[in-house]
C-alpha atoms as a PDB file:
ATOM      1  CA  UNK A   1       0.000   0.000   0.000  1.00  0.00           C
ATOM      2  CA  UNK A   2       1.476   3.380  -0.978  1.00  0.00           C
ATOM      3  CA  UNK A   3       2.274   5.932   1.680  1.00  0.00           C
ATOM      4  CA  UNK A   4       0.267   9.150   1.938  1.00  0.00           C
ATOM      5  CA  UNK A   5       3.225  10.956   0.357  1.00  0.00           C
ATOM      6  CA  UNK A   6       3.277   8.621  -2.666  1.00  0.00           C
ATOM      7  CA  UNK A   7      -0.510   8.824  -3.018  1.00  0.00           C
ATOM      8  CA  UNK A   8      -0.334  12.616  -2.972  1.00  0.00           C
ATOM      9  CA  UNK A   9       2.436  12.657  -5.580  1.00  0.00           C
ATOM     10  CA  UNK A  10       0.443  10.244  -7.742  1.00  0.00           C
ATOM     11  CA  UNK A  11      -2.642  12.469  -7.452  1.00  0.00           C
ATOM     12  CA  UNK A  12      -0.634  15.598  -8.310  1.00  0.00           C
ATOM     13  CA  UNK A  13       0.899  13.838 -11.303  1.00  0.00           C
ATOM     14  CA  UNK A  14      -2.539  12.716 -12.495  1.00  0.00           C
ATOM     15  CA  UNK A  15      -3.907  16.256 -12.124  1.00  0.00           C
ATOM     16  CA  UNK A  16      -0.990  17.591 -14.153  1.00  0.00           C
ATOM     17  CA  UNK A  17      -1.947  15.338 -17.054  1.00  0.00           C
ATOM     18  CA  UNK A  18      -5.122  17.322 -17.664  1.00  0.00           C
ATOM     19  CA  UNK A  19      -4.428  20.721 -16.074  1.00  0.00           C
ATOM     20  CA  UNK A  20      -1.720  23.330 -16.037  1.00  0.00           C
ATOM     21  CA  UNK A  21       0.230  23.613 -12.782  1.00  0.00           C
ATOM     22  CA  UNK A  22      -1.523  26.905 -12.076  1.00  0.00           C
ATOM     23  CA  UNK A  23      -4.884  25.088 -12.271  1.00  0.00           C
ATOM     24  CA  UNK A  24      -3.877  22.241  -9.952  1.00  0.00           C
ATOM     25  CA  UNK A  25      -5.616  22.777  -6.598  1.00  0.00           C
ATOM     26  CA  UNK A  26      -4.338  21.377  -3.333  1.00  0.00           C
ATOM     27  CA  UNK A  27      -7.831  20.392  -2.214  1.00  0.00           C
ATOM     28  CA  UNK A  28      -8.298  18.267  -5.364  1.00  0.00           C
ATOM     29  CA  UNK A  29      -4.876  16.673  -4.957  1.00  0.00           C
ATOM     30  CA  UNK A  30      -5.718  15.720  -1.361  1.00  0.00           C
ATOM     31  CA  UNK A  31      -9.103  14.349  -2.410  1.00  0.00           C
ATOM     32  CA  UNK A  32      -7.502  12.402  -5.261  1.00  0.00           C
ATOM     33  CA  UNK A  33      -5.102  10.826  -2.793  1.00  0.00           C
ATOM     34  CA  UNK A  34      -7.862  10.067  -0.296  1.00  0.00           C
ATOM     35  CA  UNK A  35      -6.292  12.164   2.464  1.00  0.00           C
ATOM     36  CA  UNK A  36      -7.107  15.436   4.159  1.00  0.00           C
ATOM     37  CA  UNK A  37      -5.734  18.779   3.045  1.00  0.00           C
ATOM     38  CA  UNK A  38      -3.982  18.995   6.392  1.00  0.00           C
ATOM     39  CA  UNK A  39      -2.092  15.778   5.605  1.00  0.00           C
ATOM     40  CA  UNK A  40      -0.997  17.279   2.294  1.00  0.00           C
ATOM     41  CA  UNK A  41       0.213  20.470   3.986  1.00  0.00           C
ATOM     42  CA  UNK A  42       1.932  18.488   6.756  1.00  0.00           C
ATOM     43  CA  UNK A  43       3.759  16.450   4.112  1.00  0.00           C
ATOM     44  CA  UNK A  44       4.807  19.211   1.692  1.00  0.00           C
ATOM     45  CA  UNK A  45       4.229  22.549   3.426  1.00  0.00           C
ATOM     46  CA  UNK A  46       2.727  24.293   0.410  1.00  0.00           C
ATOM     47  CA  UNK A  47       2.178  23.969  -3.326  1.00  0.00           C
ATOM     48  CA  UNK A  48       5.828  24.823  -4.024  1.00  0.00           C
ATOM     49  CA  UNK A  49       6.908  21.976  -1.740  1.00  0.00           C
ATOM     50  CA  UNK A  50       4.559  19.602  -3.564  1.00  0.00           C
ATOM     51  CA  UNK A  51       5.955  20.792  -6.909  1.00  0.00           C
ATOM     52  CA  UNK A  52       9.527  20.263  -5.725  1.00  0.00           C
ATOM     53  CA  UNK A  53       8.803  16.722  -4.485  1.00  0.00           C
ATOM     54  CA  UNK A  54       6.887  15.842  -7.664  1.00  0.00           C
ATOM     55  CA  UNK A  55       9.662  17.182  -9.861  1.00  0.00           C
ATOM     56  CA  UNK A  56      12.353  15.280  -7.955  1.00  0.00           C
ATOM     57  CA  UNK A  57      10.364  12.049  -8.171  1.00  0.00           C
ATOM     58  CA  UNK A  58       9.811  12.425 -11.920  1.00  0.00           C
ATOM     59  CA  UNK A  59      13.440  13.314 -12.606  1.00  0.00           C
ATOM     60  CA  UNK A  60      14.718  10.431 -10.463  1.00  0.00           C
ATOM     61  CA  UNK A  61      12.440   8.021 -12.327  1.00  0.00           C
ATOM     62  CA  UNK A  62      13.659   9.438 -15.651  1.00  0.00           C
ATOM     63  CA  UNK A  63      17.344   8.997 -14.751  1.00  0.00           C
ATOM     64  CA  UNK A  64      16.694   5.512 -13.339  1.00  0.00           C
ATOM     65  CA  UNK A  65      14.825   4.598 -16.524  1.00  0.00           C
ATOM     66  CA  UNK A  66      17.875   5.578 -18.541  1.00  0.00           C
ATOM     67  CA  UNK A  67      20.112   3.436 -16.379  1.00  0.00           C
ATOM     68  CA  UNK A  68      17.795   0.442 -16.795  1.00  0.00           C
ATOM     69  CA  UNK A  69      17.781   0.935 -20.575  1.00  0.00           C
ATOM     70  CA  UNK A  70      21.576   1.225 -20.735  1.00  0.00           C
ATOM     71  CA  UNK A  71      21.984  -1.894 -18.594  1.00  0.00           C
ATOM     72  CA  UNK A  72      19.803  -3.869 -21.016  1.00  0.00           C
ATOM     73  CA  UNK A  73      22.228  -3.053 -23.823  1.00  0.00           C
ATOM     74  CA  UNK A  74      24.982  -5.210 -22.378  1.00  0.00           C
ATOM     75  CA  UNK A  75      26.724  -5.894 -25.682  1.00  0.00           C
ATOM     76  CA  UNK A  76      26.422  -2.454 -27.226  1.00  0.00           C
ATOM     77  CA  UNK A  77      29.480  -0.693 -28.562  1.00  0.00           C
ATOM     78  CA  UNK A  78      30.377   2.809 -27.419  1.00  0.00           C
ATOM     79  CA  UNK A  79      28.718   4.382 -30.459  1.00  0.00           C
ATOM     80  CA  UNK A  80      25.606   2.226 -30.032  1.00  0.00           C
ATOM     81  CA  UNK A  81      25.334   3.244 -26.365  1.00  0.00           C
ATOM     82  CA  UNK A  82      25.624   6.934 -27.245  1.00  0.00           C
ATOM     83  CA  UNK A  83      22.966   6.528 -29.929  1.00  0.00           C
ATOM     84  CA  UNK A  84      20.725   4.650 -27.495  1.00  0.00           C
ATOM     85  CA  UNK A  85      21.256   7.407 -24.914  1.00  0.00           C
ATOM     86  CA  UNK A  86      20.070  10.126 -27.266  1.00  0.00           C
ATOM     87  CA  UNK A  87      17.120   8.146 -28.621  1.00  0.00           C
ATOM     88  CA  UNK A  88      15.933   7.162 -25.160  1.00  0.00           C
ATOM     89  CA  UNK A  89      16.127  10.716 -23.827  1.00  0.00           C
ATOM     90  CA  UNK A  90      14.071  12.073 -26.723  1.00  0.00           C
ATOM     91  CA  UNK A  91      11.455   9.324 -26.582  1.00  0.00           C
ATOM     92  CA  UNK A  92      11.064   9.353 -22.796  1.00  0.00           C
ATOM     93  CA  UNK A  93      11.079  13.155 -22.446  1.00  0.00           C
ATOM     94  CA  UNK A  94       8.412  13.539 -25.127  1.00  0.00           C
ATOM     95  CA  UNK A  95       6.053  11.499 -22.957  1.00  0.00           C
ATOM     96  CA  UNK A  96       6.746  13.363 -19.687  1.00  0.00           C
ATOM     97  CA  UNK A  97       5.855  17.074 -19.519  1.00  0.00           C
ATOM     98  CA  UNK A  98       7.877  17.754 -16.378  1.00  0.00           C
ATOM     99  CA  UNK A  99      11.042  16.142 -17.721  1.00  0.00           C
ATOM    100  CA  UNK A 100      10.642  17.817 -21.108  1.00  0.00           C
ATOM    101  CA  UNK A 101      10.079  21.203 -19.439  1.00  0.00           C
ATOM    102  CA  UNK A 102      13.145  20.704 -17.248  1.00  0.00           C
ATOM    103  CA  UNK A 103      15.394  19.750 -20.153  1.00  0.00           C
ATOM    104  CA  UNK A 104      14.175  22.531 -22.438  1.00  0.00           C
ATOM    105  CA  UNK A 105      13.632  25.252 -19.832  1.00  0.00           C
ATOM    106  CA  UNK A 106      10.069  25.738 -21.065  1.00  0.00           C
ATOM    107  CA  UNK A 107       7.870  27.208 -18.366  1.00  0.00           C
ATOM    108  CA  UNK A 108       4.781  26.249 -20.364  1.00  0.00           C
ATOM    109  CA  UNK A 109       1.596  26.011 -18.318  1.00  0.00           C
ATOM    110  CA  UNK A 110       3.447  27.253 -15.248  1.00  0.00           C
ATOM    111  CA  UNK A 111       5.153  23.887 -14.783  1.00  0.00           C
ATOM    112  CA  UNK A 112       7.511  23.752 -11.829  1.00  0.00           C
ATOM    113  CA  UNK A 113      11.186  23.745 -12.767  1.00  0.00           C
ATOM    114  CA  UNK A 114      14.266  23.180 -10.629  1.00  0.00           C
ATOM    115  CA  UNK A 115      16.168  26.347  -9.697  1.00  0.00           C
ATOM    116  CA  UNK A 116      19.208  25.314 -11.737  1.00  0.00           C
ATOM    117  CA  UNK A 117      17.162  24.423 -14.810  1.00  0.00           C
ATOM    118  CA  UNK A 118      18.499  21.590 -16.918  1.00  0.00           C
ATOM    119  CA  UNK A 119      22.090  21.701 -15.671  1.00  0.00           C
ATOM    120  CA  UNK A 120      21.745  19.122 -12.898  1.00  0.00           C
ATOM    121  CA  UNK A 121      19.599  16.767 -14.968  1.00  0.00           C
ATOM    122  CA  UNK A 122      21.966  16.952 -17.957  1.00  0.00           C
ATOM    123  CA  UNK A 123      24.853  16.219 -15.594  1.00  0.00           C
ATOM    124  CA  UNK A 124      23.081  13.246 -14.040  1.00  0.00           C
ATOM    125  CA  UNK A 125      22.248  11.787 -17.465  1.00  0.00           C
ATOM    126  CA  UNK A 126      25.831  12.323 -18.648  1.00  0.00           C
ATOM    127  CA  UNK A 127      27.261  10.709 -15.527  1.00  0.00           C
ATOM    128  CA  UNK A 128      25.018   7.635 -15.823  1.00  0.00           C
ATOM    129  CA  UNK A 129      26.060   7.203 -19.455  1.00  0.00           C
ATOM    130  CA  UNK A 130      29.752   7.551 -18.555  1.00  0.00           C
ATOM    131  CA  UNK A 131      29.335   4.911 -15.831  1.00  0.00           C
ATOM    132  CA  UNK A 132      27.702   2.582 -18.368  1.00  0.00           C
ATOM    133  CA  UNK A 133      30.582   3.075 -20.809  1.00  0.00           C
ATOM    134  CA  UNK A 134      33.153   2.444 -18.088  1.00  0.00           C
ATOM    135  CA  UNK A 135      31.377  -0.681 -16.767  1.00  0.00           C
ATOM    136  CA  UNK A 136      31.437  -2.205 -20.229  1.00  0.00           C
ATOM    137  CA  UNK A 137      35.053  -1.314 -20.859  1.00  0.00           C
ATOM    138  CA  UNK A 138      34.015   1.059 -23.681  1.00  0.00           C
ATOM    139  CA  UNK A 139      35.907   3.880 -21.978  1.00  0.00           C
ATOM    140  CA  UNK A 140      38.751   3.929 -19.454  1.00  0.00           C
ATOM    141  CA  UNK A 141      37.670   4.984 -15.965  1.00  0.00           C
ATOM    142  CA  UNK A 142      38.058   8.737 -15.579  1.00  0.00           C
ATOM    143  CA  UNK A 143      38.476   9.346 -19.314  1.00  0.00           C
ATOM    144  CA  UNK A 144      37.487  13.007 -19.932  1.00  0.00           C
ATOM    145  CA  UNK A 145      36.714  12.108 -23.561  1.00  0.00           C
ATOM    146  CA  UNK A 146      33.928   9.790 -22.397  1.00  0.00           C
ATOM    147  CA  UNK A 147      32.331  12.585 -20.392  1.00  0.00           C
ATOM    148  CA  UNK A 148      32.528  14.942 -23.396  1.00  0.00           C
ATOM    149  CA  UNK A 149      30.984  12.363 -25.737  1.00  0.00           C
ATOM    150  CA  UNK A 150      28.154  11.616 -23.294  1.00  0.00           C
ATOM    151  CA  UNK A 151      27.499  15.300 -22.634  1.00  0.00           C
ATOM    152  CA  UNK A 152      27.342  15.903 -26.388  1.00  0.00           C
ATOM    153  CA  UNK A 153      24.868  13.042 -26.862  1.00  0.00           C
ATOM    154  CA  UNK A 154      22.638  14.375 -24.064  1.00  0.00           C
ATOM    155  CA  UNK A 155      22.729  17.924 -25.424  1.00  0.00           C
ATOM    156  CA  UNK A 156      21.983  16.741 -28.960  1.00  0.00           C
ATOM    157  CA  UNK A 157      18.956  14.898 -27.605  1.00  0.00           C
ATOM    158  CA  UNK A 158      17.812  18.080 -25.838  1.00  0.00           C
ATOM    159  CA  UNK A 159      18.207  20.019 -29.090  1.00  0.00           C
ATOM    160  CA  UNK A 160      15.939  17.453 -30.770  1.00  0.00           C
ATOM    161  CA  UNK A 161      13.297  18.186 -28.106  1.00  0.00           C
ATOM    162  CA  UNK A 162      13.593  21.940 -28.663  1.00  0.00           C
ATOM    163  CA  UNK A 163      13.792  21.920 -32.452  1.00  0.00           C
ATOM    164  CA  UNK A 164      12.675  18.526 -33.798  1.00  0.00           C
ATOM    165  CA  UNK A 165      14.222  17.571 -37.080  1.00  0.00           C
ATOM    166  CA  UNK A 166      13.401  14.832 -39.524  1.00  0.00           C
ATOM    167  CA  UNK A 167      13.681  11.275 -38.311  1.00  0.00           C
ATOM    168  CA  UNK A 168      16.961   9.606 -39.160  1.00  0.00           C
ATOM    169  CA  UNK A 169      16.728   5.960 -40.184  1.00  0.00           C
ATOM    170  CA  UNK A 170      18.407   3.533 -37.801  1.00  0.00           C
ATOM    171  CA  UNK A 171      21.584   1.861 -38.932  1.00  0.00           C
ATOM    172  CA  UNK A 172      21.826  -1.837 -39.605  1.00  0.00           C
END
């Protein structure tokens, strides 16, 4: 059974699917979670606290999803992993408004964004990709070139979110 906190975050996420953040009401979030408004305020303090917790949960799930996807590609070459990284970021971010808004800096619909914008998320994605390359022996541990390549792949994926181009056929 989910905790009150998880139920509240689930209800806020569900509300965000059909409403802008400005339209999301604390009373409806509490009702959607089956708890009192006081429980919501005790848990998060205010709407900004709820937004911060929701954003952190979504971003953590996004980064963990990337790690799971990279781990499934056990036999991928360095270039294949970098390609997979970019494709996964674009596909996953297109289906998650909060992640997409964080990566692109779009304050559409008053969505909550972290204070440092995309910088921390880009860094986390880059670091997970570097770790995957190092684990597979596709890059020496501590190789600055691996970090540059991964950062470039992440930033190219973000550019595809901001200014979508034509689809490129997959190799092989």
